[in-house]
Amino acid sequence: MKRLTKRKLGKLMNDMSKDAEAGFTLLELMICLAMVAVLTMLALPNYHHYLRKAYYLEIVQAAMPYKLGVASCFQSGNGLASCHGGEQGVPPDQQNVSALIASISTYQGQIHIVPHEVHGIEGDDDFLLTPVLVGGQLDWHVGGGGVERGYVH
């Protein structure tokens, strides 16, 4: 191992102090900040749409007991015309179901859910489930403002 002389040690310390003063310039920091801002502007709309889809899932799930009730009403031979909310095994119509759902109603087998205006979901982002008879079986067609905006496929 070599010995460090005072001269070599002084030069080494001088080089180290120069490295310690190195850093980012204001221009470099501003460029980084601009890049982060652009990426945020691109990602934010997609993030908001994803959040609305996640909240809208509560509306879709709220329709499941009503679908079962309408299917049960239809299978018992009553026909879709008699499948109304609160009759023939269909759950009753409701108002102010949750913080997200303003109302759920069923008329002649069609289920209609209207949301409250919250979490970016508008009042016209309703959800419609319409039963259609296909080959003796019920098939469900989805519709409404939420479907048109792509919250549900």
Protein backbone atom coordinates (compact mmCIF):
# COMPACT_ATOMS: atom_id res chain seq x y z
CA MET A 1 0.00 0.00 0.00
CA LYS A 2 1.33 3.40 -0.93
CA ARG A 3 1.68 6.19 1.55
CA LEU A 4 -0.13 9.42 1.00
CA THR A 5 2.07 12.44 1.17
CA LYS A 6 0.78 15.81 2.32
CA ARG A 7 0.79 17.05 -1.23
CA LYS A 8 -1.23 14.11 -2.56
CA LEU A 9 -3.61 14.34 0.39
CA GLY A 10 -4.15 18.06 -0.24
CA LYS A 11 -4.85 17.45 -3.93
CA LEU A 12 -7.29 14.65 -3.06
CA MET A 13 -9.14 16.89 -0.58
CA ASN A 14 -9.28 19.72 -3.13
CA ASP A 15 -10.79 17.40 -5.75
CA MET A 16 -13.37 16.13 -3.24
CA SER A 17 -14.46 19.64 -2.30
CA LYS A 18 -15.02 20.49 -5.97
CA ASP A 19 -17.24 17.39 -6.36
CA ALA A 20 -19.23 18.33 -3.26
CA GLU A 21 -20.15 21.67 -4.83
CA ALA A 22 -21.55 20.03 -7.98
CA GLY A 23 -25.39 19.91 -8.22
CA PHE A 24 -28.36 20.56 -10.47
CA THR A 25 -28.79 23.91 -12.14
CA LEU A 26 -32.05 25.79 -11.99
CA LEU A 27 -32.63 25.06 -15.67
CA GLU A 28 -32.30 21.32 -15.14
CA LEU A 29 -34.78 21.44 -12.26
CA MET A 30 -37.26 23.46 -14.33
CA ILE A 31 -37.04 20.96 -17.20
CA CYS A 32 -37.76 18.09 -14.80
CA LEU A 33 -40.70 19.98 -13.33
CA ALA A 34 -42.11 20.65 -16.81
CA MET A 35 -41.83 16.96 -17.74
CA VAL A 36 -43.68 15.91 -14.57
CA ALA A 37 -46.40 18.50 -15.28
CA VAL A 38 -46.92 17.22 -18.83
CA LEU A 39 -47.12 13.61 -17.67
CA THR A 40 -49.63 14.56 -14.99
CA MET A 41 -51.79 16.42 -17.50
CA LEU A 42 -51.85 13.34 -19.73
CA ALA A 43 -52.63 10.85 -16.95
CA LEU A 44 -55.20 12.79 -14.92
CA PRO A 45 -58.23 12.47 -17.26
CA ASN A 46 -57.73 8.72 -17.53
CA TYR A 47 -57.46 8.47 -13.76
CA HIS A 48 -60.73 10.37 -13.27
CA HIS A 49 -62.52 8.15 -15.79
CA TYR A 50 -61.19 5.06 -14.01
CA LEU A 51 -62.49 6.39 -10.67
CA ARG A 52 -65.94 7.04 -12.15
CA LYS A 53 -66.02 3.49 -13.51
CA ALA A 54 -65.13 2.14 -10.07
CA TYR A 55 -67.89 4.17 -8.39
CA TYR A 56 -70.36 3.19 -11.11
CA LEU A 57 -69.78 -0.45 -10.24
CA GLU A 58 -71.90 0.13 -7.10
CA ILE A 59 -74.82 1.05 -9.36
CA VAL A 60 -74.36 -2.07 -11.47
CA GLN A 61 -74.15 -4.30 -8.39
CA ALA A 62 -77.30 -2.75 -6.91
CA ALA A 63 -79.25 -4.10 -9.90
CA MET A 64 -78.41 -7.75 -9.20
CA PRO A 65 -81.22 -8.50 -6.67
CA TYR A 66 -83.68 -6.88 -9.06
CA LYS A 67 -82.44 -9.01 -11.95
CA LEU A 68 -82.96 -12.12 -9.85
CA GLY A 69 -86.45 -10.93 -8.86
CA VAL A 70 -87.47 -10.24 -12.45
CA ALA A 71 -86.07 -13.61 -13.57
CA SER A 72 -88.00 -15.35 -10.78
CA CYS A 73 -91.18 -13.48 -11.70
CA PHE A 74 -90.75 -14.47 -15.36
CA GLN A 75 -89.95 -18.11 -14.56
CA SER A 76 -93.09 -18.44 -12.43
CA GLY A 77 -95.11 -17.88 -15.61
CA ASN A 78 -96.33 -14.38 -14.91
CA GLY A 79 -94.71 -12.78 -17.93
CA LEU A 80 -92.65 -9.61 -17.94
CA ALA A 81 -95.69 -7.31 -18.03
CA SER A 82 -96.51 -8.20 -14.40
CA CYS A 83 -92.95 -7.86 -13.05
CA HIS A 84 -93.09 -4.57 -11.13
CA GLY A 85 -91.20 -3.37 -8.08
CA GLY A 86 -92.59 -4.92 -4.89
CA GLU A 87 -94.68 -7.53 -6.74
CA GLN A 88 -94.22 -11.16 -7.82
CA GLY A 89 -90.89 -11.56 -5.98
CA VAL A 90 -89.30 -8.40 -7.39
CA PRO A 91 -87.73 -6.20 -4.67
CA PRO A 92 -89.66 -2.98 -3.99
CA ASP A 93 -88.74 0.33 -5.61
CA GLN A 94 -86.49 2.45 -3.40
CA GLN A 95 -85.50 6.10 -3.01
CA ASN A 96 -82.14 7.35 -1.63
CA VAL A 97 -80.68 3.86 -1.49
CA SER A 98 -77.11 5.02 -0.79
CA ALA A 99 -74.84 8.02 -1.12
CA LEU A 100 -74.48 7.16 -4.82
CA ILE A 101 -77.91 5.79 -5.76
CA ALA A 102 -80.92 8.14 -5.82
CA SER A 103 -83.55 5.59 -6.87
CA ILE A 104 -84.15 2.07 -8.12
CA SER A 105 -87.38 1.19 -9.87
CA THR A 106 -88.75 -1.76 -11.82
CA TYR A 107 -91.60 -1.59 -14.32
CA GLN A 108 -92.58 -4.50 -16.58
CA GLY A 109 -89.21 -6.12 -15.88
CA GLN A 110 -87.11 -3.08 -16.86
CA ILE A 111 -84.80 -1.99 -14.06
CA HIS A 112 -83.92 1.71 -13.88
CA ILE A 113 -81.29 3.08 -11.48
CA VAL A 114 -80.73 6.83 -11.15
CA PRO A 115 -77.52 8.03 -9.42
CA HIS A 116 -76.95 11.06 -7.22
CA GLU A 117 -74.57 13.65 -8.64
CA VAL A 118 -71.43 12.68 -6.72
CA HIS A 119 -67.86 11.53 -7.49
CA GLY A 120 -68.07 12.97 -11.02
CA ILE A 121 -71.14 10.90 -11.88
CA GLU A 122 -73.99 13.04 -13.21
CA GLY A 123 -77.73 12.59 -12.66
CA ASP A 124 -78.22 11.56 -16.30
CA ASP A 125 -75.69 8.70 -15.95
CA ASP A 126 -78.57 6.35 -15.26
CA PHE A 127 -78.43 2.58 -15.70
CA LEU A 128 -81.14 0.63 -17.52
CA LEU A 129 -81.47 -3.13 -17.65
CA THR A 130 -84.05 -4.31 -20.14
CA PRO A 131 -85.04 -8.00 -20.26
CA VAL A 132 -85.38 -9.46 -23.73
CA LEU A 133 -86.79 -12.89 -24.44
CA VAL A 134 -84.34 -14.89 -26.58
CA GLY A 135 -85.20 -18.53 -27.28
CA GLY A 136 -87.36 -18.83 -24.17
CA GLN A 137 -84.63 -17.39 -21.94
CA LEU A 138 -84.14 -13.91 -20.53
CA ASP A 139 -81.26 -11.89 -21.91
CA TRP A 140 -80.38 -8.50 -20.47
CA HIS A 141 -79.60 -5.44 -22.55
CA VAL A 142 -77.82 -2.62 -20.75
CA GLY A 143 -78.34 1.03 -21.52
CA GLY A 144 -78.46 4.52 -20.08
CA GLY A 145 -76.13 7.45 -19.76
CA GLY A 146 -73.46 5.57 -17.82
CA VAL A 147 -73.21 2.94 -20.53
CA GLU A 148 -72.94 5.62 -23.23
CA ARG A 149 -70.05 7.24 -21.32
CA GLY A 150 -68.21 3.92 -21.10
CA TYR A 151 -68.59 3.21 -17.37
CA VAL A 152 -70.00 -0.24 -18.20
CA HIS A 153 -69.36 -2.48 -21.20
